[in-house]
Amino acid sequence: MKKAVIHLLVAFAFISAATVLPARAEDEVLVFAAASTTNAITEVCRIFNRKGQGTAKASFASSSTLAKQIENGAPARVYISANVKWMDYLQERGLIETRTRRDLWGNRVVLIAPADSDTPRMDVGPDLPLTGLLHGGRLAMGDPDHVPAGIYAKQALVSLGLWERVEPHLARAKDVRAALALVERGECPLGLVYATDAAISKKVRVIGLVPESAHPPIIYPAAILEGQARGAVSAFFELLRSPESRTVFEKYGFTVR
């Protein structure tokens, strides 16, 4: 009799698990977000989790890396890119809910140096002696072949007539936070990163602002992935567009569109 009761209890447990687990999965929101949004999105996820509408967690990398992972079947439910190119890439492949796509934030590119360096502030323009300022070192930036921060930086350097001279002296980082780290550690004397990345580090200082006219506008689009626009995912996406989220992004130096 006891064995029969035990078997019934075990069977009931499996049935209950089968019933509960899918519902629990529906409440989980995996956000794939550009590395430069790490601090802001981490805070937005904490706000969402306190609201009791579900559980949000984020994975950060370069926009290109994340887009490729999504294309290969990664279980993301929301995607945030640091440029329109990689959002277009997913949209063209039918991998986002196009009606949810929104341009939410902006940024700008700055020239940084280690905080303890004696490199003075300067104007970033055609006359900038960038190669000489490296003193045999390298210029850290996101890989301009695929990292949005690097793409914008290259466009600016080309526009200013500096690209051909400095290209052989690049340290191509996997994402903008990796470029920031190279300057923080003193491995590179200069770097081109987003203003928001420079703002969160006490180990670097901004020595120049890249003219916004030297590259296309820096836009961060966000979208829900195809087939995911429901429940907790929709609630999280609404939070991204809310005044509460706006305050967070402004605190970290983003412009809100």
Protein backbone atom coordinates (compact mmCIF):
# COMPACT_ATOMS: atom_id res chain seq x y z
CA MET A 1 0.00 0.00 0.00
CA LYS A 2 2.82 2.36 0.94
CA LYS A 3 4.59 1.65 -2.35
CA ALA A 4 1.40 2.44 -4.26
CA VAL A 5 1.03 5.74 -2.44
CA ILE A 6 4.68 6.62 -3.13
CA HIS A 7 4.25 5.83 -6.83
CA LEU A 8 1.16 8.04 -6.96
CA LEU A 9 2.99 10.89 -5.25
CA VAL A 10 5.94 10.60 -7.66
CA ALA A 11 3.60 10.53 -10.64
CA PHE A 12 1.77 13.58 -9.30
CA ALA A 13 5.09 15.41 -8.87
CA PHE A 14 6.04 14.77 -12.52
CA ILE A 15 2.62 15.94 -13.71
CA SER A 16 2.90 19.07 -11.57
CA ALA A 17 6.38 19.80 -12.88
CA ALA A 18 5.21 19.40 -16.45
CA THR A 19 2.42 21.85 -15.71
CA VAL A 20 4.50 24.44 -13.82
CA LEU A 21 7.77 24.55 -15.78
CA PRO A 22 6.41 25.91 -19.06
CA ALA A 23 4.60 28.68 -17.17
CA ARG A 24 7.82 29.50 -15.31
CA ALA A 25 9.73 29.62 -18.59
CA GLU A 26 7.14 32.07 -19.96
CA ASP A 27 8.04 34.44 -17.12
CA GLU A 28 11.77 34.43 -17.95
CA VAL A 29 13.05 37.20 -20.20
CA LEU A 30 16.51 36.70 -21.69
CA VAL A 31 17.80 39.99 -23.09
CA PHE A 32 20.66 40.06 -25.60
CA ALA A 33 22.12 43.57 -25.33
CA ALA A 34 25.06 45.50 -26.75
CA ALA A 35 28.05 45.58 -24.38
CA SER A 36 27.83 49.36 -24.01
CA THR A 37 24.42 49.03 -22.34
CA THR A 38 25.70 46.71 -19.59
CA ASN A 39 25.23 49.03 -16.62
CA ALA A 40 21.92 50.51 -17.73
CA ILE A 41 20.28 47.23 -18.78
CA THR A 42 21.50 45.46 -15.64
CA GLU A 43 19.74 48.13 -13.60
CA VAL A 44 16.58 47.95 -15.71
CA CYS A 45 16.53 44.17 -15.20
CA ARG A 46 16.71 44.68 -11.42
CA ILE A 47 13.79 47.12 -11.59
CA PHE A 48 11.75 44.65 -13.63
CA ASN A 49 12.51 41.77 -11.27
CA ARG A 50 11.29 43.80 -8.29
CA LYS A 51 7.94 44.38 -9.99
CA GLY A 52 7.01 40.70 -9.86
CA GLN A 53 6.01 40.46 -13.52
CA GLY A 54 8.71 37.92 -14.33
CA THR A 55 12.47 37.48 -14.22
CA ALA A 56 14.78 39.32 -16.59
CA LYS A 57 18.45 38.58 -17.13
CA ALA A 58 20.82 39.84 -19.79
CA SER A 59 23.71 38.60 -21.89
CA PHE A 60 26.14 41.26 -23.13
CA ALA A 61 28.52 41.19 -26.10
CA SER A 62 29.05 43.09 -29.34
CA SER A 63 25.84 43.60 -31.32
CA SER A 64 27.24 41.53 -34.18
CA THR A 65 28.10 38.56 -31.95
CA LEU A 66 24.65 38.59 -30.39
CA ALA A 67 22.89 38.88 -33.76
CA LYS A 68 24.81 35.87 -35.08
CA GLN A 69 23.96 33.88 -31.95
CA ILE A 70 20.28 34.69 -32.40
CA GLU A 71 20.48 33.67 -36.04
CA ASN A 72 21.94 30.34 -34.89
CA GLY A 73 19.09 29.68 -32.48
CA ALA A 74 20.09 31.29 -29.18
CA PRO A 75 17.01 31.59 -26.91
CA ALA A 76 16.99 35.39 -26.60
CA ARG A 77 13.62 37.08 -26.29
CA VAL A 78 14.64 40.76 -26.57
CA TYR A 79 17.52 42.18 -28.64
CA ILE A 80 19.18 45.57 -28.15
CA SER A 81 21.73 46.66 -30.75
CA ALA A 82 24.22 49.53 -30.70
CA ASN A 83 23.49 50.30 -34.34
CA VAL A 84 20.74 49.82 -36.90
CA LYS A 85 22.86 47.54 -39.11
CA TRP A 86 22.61 44.46 -36.90
CA MET A 87 18.94 45.01 -36.13
CA ASP A 88 18.34 45.25 -39.89
CA TYR A 89 20.28 41.99 -40.24
CA LEU A 90 17.84 40.16 -37.97
CA GLN A 91 14.79 41.88 -39.43
CA GLU A 92 15.76 40.85 -42.96
CA ARG A 93 15.85 37.24 -41.76
CA GLY A 94 12.44 37.43 -40.10
CA LEU A 95 13.89 36.99 -36.62
CA ILE A 96 12.32 40.00 -34.87
CA GLU A 97 8.76 41.20 -34.37
CA THR A 98 9.08 44.19 -36.71
CA ARG A 99 6.11 46.02 -35.19
CA THR A 100 7.93 46.16 -31.84
CA ARG A 101 11.17 47.67 -33.20
CA ARG A 102 11.98 51.02 -31.60
CA ASP A 103 14.95 53.41 -31.71
CA LEU A 104 15.36 54.19 -28.02
CA TRP A 105 18.76 55.74 -27.19
CA GLY A 106 21.73 57.59 -28.59
CA ASN A 107 25.43 57.95 -27.72
CA ARG A 108 28.63 59.56 -28.95
CA VAL A 109 32.26 58.56 -29.53
CA VAL A 110 35.05 60.02 -27.40
CA LEU A 111 38.84 59.80 -27.33
CA ILE A 112 40.15 58.49 -24.00
CA ALA A 113 43.49 58.06 -22.25
CA PRO A 114 44.47 56.40 -18.94
CA ALA A 115 43.44 58.55 -15.99
CA ASP A 116 47.03 58.95 -14.82
CA SER A 117 48.46 59.93 -18.22
CA ASP A 118 49.63 63.47 -18.95
CA THR A 119 48.02 63.60 -22.42
CA PRO A 120 46.20 66.96 -22.63
CA ARG A 121 42.65 67.54 -23.84
CA MET A 122 42.51 68.31 -27.55
CA ASP A 123 40.20 68.90 -30.48
CA VAL A 124 39.51 65.79 -32.54
CA GLY A 125 39.79 67.02 -36.12
CA PRO A 126 41.77 66.65 -39.34
CA ASP A 127 44.89 68.17 -37.73
CA LEU A 128 44.97 65.74 -34.77
CA PRO A 129 48.45 64.07 -34.69
CA LEU A 130 46.88 60.80 -33.62
CA THR A 131 49.69 58.46 -34.65
CA GLY A 132 52.28 60.60 -32.87
CA LEU A 133 50.20 60.68 -29.70
CA LEU A 134 50.36 56.87 -29.55
CA HIS A 135 54.16 57.00 -28.97
CA GLY A 136 54.61 53.60 -30.58
CA GLY A 137 51.53 52.12 -28.89
CA ARG A 138 48.13 51.23 -30.29
CA LEU A 139 44.74 52.87 -30.52
CA ALA A 140 42.09 50.71 -28.80
CA MET A 141 38.69 50.50 -30.45
CA GLY A 142 36.01 47.95 -31.21
CA ASP A 143 36.86 45.92 -34.28
CA PRO A 144 35.60 48.16 -37.11
CA ASP A 145 34.73 45.12 -39.21
CA HIS A 146 31.75 44.29 -37.01
CA VAL A 147 31.60 46.12 -33.62
CA PRO A 148 29.28 49.16 -33.81
CA ALA A 149 31.52 51.42 -31.69
CA GLY A 150 34.43 50.55 -33.97
CA ILE A 151 32.33 51.08 -37.09
CA TYR A 152 31.35 54.57 -35.94
CA ALA A 153 34.95 55.33 -34.92
CA LYS A 154 36.28 54.24 -38.31
CA GLN A 155 33.66 56.31 -40.14
CA ALA A 156 34.77 59.34 -38.13
CA LEU A 157 38.47 58.71 -38.75
CA VAL A 158 37.83 58.30 -42.48
CA SER A 159 35.78 61.48 -42.55
CA LEU A 160 38.54 63.40 -40.74
CA GLY A 161 41.26 62.01 -43.01
CA LEU A 162 43.02 60.14 -40.18
CA TRP A 163 42.16 56.53 -41.00
CA GLU A 164 44.96 55.52 -43.37
CA ARG A 165 47.67 56.72 -41.01
CA VAL A 166 46.26 55.15 -37.86
CA GLU A 167 44.87 51.85 -39.22
CA PRO A 168 48.21 49.97 -38.87
CA HIS A 169 48.28 51.00 -35.20
CA LEU A 170 44.89 49.68 -34.09
CA ALA A 171 44.15 47.31 -31.23
CA ARG A 172 40.93 45.72 -32.49
CA ALA A 173 38.79 44.69 -29.51
CA LYS A 174 35.94 42.18 -29.49
CA ASP A 175 33.54 44.84 -28.15
CA VAL A 176 33.63 48.38 -26.80
CA ARG A 177 34.06 47.29 -23.18
CA ALA A 178 37.14 45.30 -24.17
CA ALA A 179 38.55 48.43 -25.85
CA LEU A 180 37.86 50.39 -22.67
CA ALA A 181 39.70 47.76 -20.62
CA LEU A 182 42.82 48.02 -22.80
CA VAL A 183 43.10 51.71 -21.93
CA GLU A 184 42.17 51.16 -18.28
CA ARG A 185 45.06 48.70 -17.92
CA GLY A 186 47.47 51.02 -19.71
CA GLU A 187 48.01 48.52 -22.51
CA CYS A 188 46.96 51.19 -25.02
CA PRO A 189 47.72 54.91 -24.59
CA LEU A 190 44.52 56.00 -26.34
CA GLY A 191 41.13 54.58 -27.21
CA LEU A 192 37.93 55.43 -29.02
CA VAL A 193 34.85 54.35 -27.07
CA TYR A 194 31.35 55.53 -26.34
CA ALA A 195 30.95 58.44 -23.94
CA THR A 196 28.82 56.22 -21.71
CA ASP A 197 31.65 53.69 -21.34
CA ALA A 198 34.16 56.38 -20.42
CA ALA A 199 31.70 57.78 -17.87
CA ILE A 200 31.52 54.57 -15.83
CA SER A 201 35.29 54.18 -15.47
CA LYS A 202 37.53 55.96 -12.97
CA LYS A 203 40.60 54.59 -14.76
CA VAL A 204 40.25 56.65 -17.94
CA ARG A 205 39.53 60.24 -18.81
CA VAL A 206 38.07 61.85 -21.89
CA ILE A 207 40.62 63.94 -23.78
CA GLY A 208 38.56 64.71 -26.87
CA LEU A 209 35.06 64.57 -28.35
CA VAL A 210 34.67 63.06 -31.81
CA PRO A 211 32.51 65.41 -33.91
CA GLU A 212 29.05 63.91 -34.28
CA SER A 213 28.98 65.24 -37.84
CA ALA A 214 31.87 62.90 -38.73
CA HIS A 215 29.74 59.74 -38.60
CA PRO A 216 26.08 58.70 -38.89
CA PRO A 217 23.90 59.19 -35.79
CA ILE A 218 24.52 56.58 -33.10
CA ILE A 219 21.19 54.85 -32.57
CA TYR A 220 20.28 51.95 -30.28
CA PRO A 221 17.28 50.02 -31.63
CA ALA A 222 15.48 47.42 -29.53
CA ALA A 223 12.98 44.75 -30.55
CA ILE A 224 11.24 41.63 -29.32
CA LEU A 225 12.36 38.48 -31.08
CA GLU A 226 9.98 36.71 -33.46
CA GLY A 227 7.14 34.91 -31.69
CA GLN A 228 8.01 36.27 -28.24
CA ALA A 229 5.72 39.32 -27.96
CA ARG A 230 3.63 38.23 -25.02
CA GLY A 231 3.47 38.09 -21.22
CA ALA A 232 6.61 38.97 -19.32
CA VAL A 233 8.50 39.82 -22.51
CA SER A 234 5.97 42.47 -23.50
CA ALA A 235 5.98 43.82 -19.95
CA PHE A 236 9.78 44.11 -19.98
CA PHE A 237 9.71 45.85 -23.34
CA GLU A 238 7.18 48.36 -22.05
CA LEU A 239 9.52 49.05 -19.13
CA LEU A 240 12.35 49.76 -21.60
CA ARG A 241 10.22 52.52 -23.11
CA SER A 242 9.02 53.96 -19.80
CA PRO A 243 10.05 57.14 -17.94
CA GLU A 244 11.60 54.87 -15.29
CA SER A 245 13.96 53.37 -17.85
CA ARG A 246 14.60 56.79 -19.37
CA THR A 247 15.93 57.99 -16.02
CA VAL A 248 18.31 55.04 -15.83
CA PHE A 249 19.72 55.55 -19.32
CA GLU A 250 20.12 59.29 -18.84
CA LYS A 251 22.01 58.61 -15.60
CA TYR A 252 24.55 56.55 -17.57
CA GLY A 253 24.96 59.27 -20.19
CA PHE A 254 22.74 58.03 -23.02
CA THR A 255 20.53 60.39 -24.92
CA VAL A 256 16.92 59.20 -24.99
CA ARG A 257 15.04 59.47 -28.24
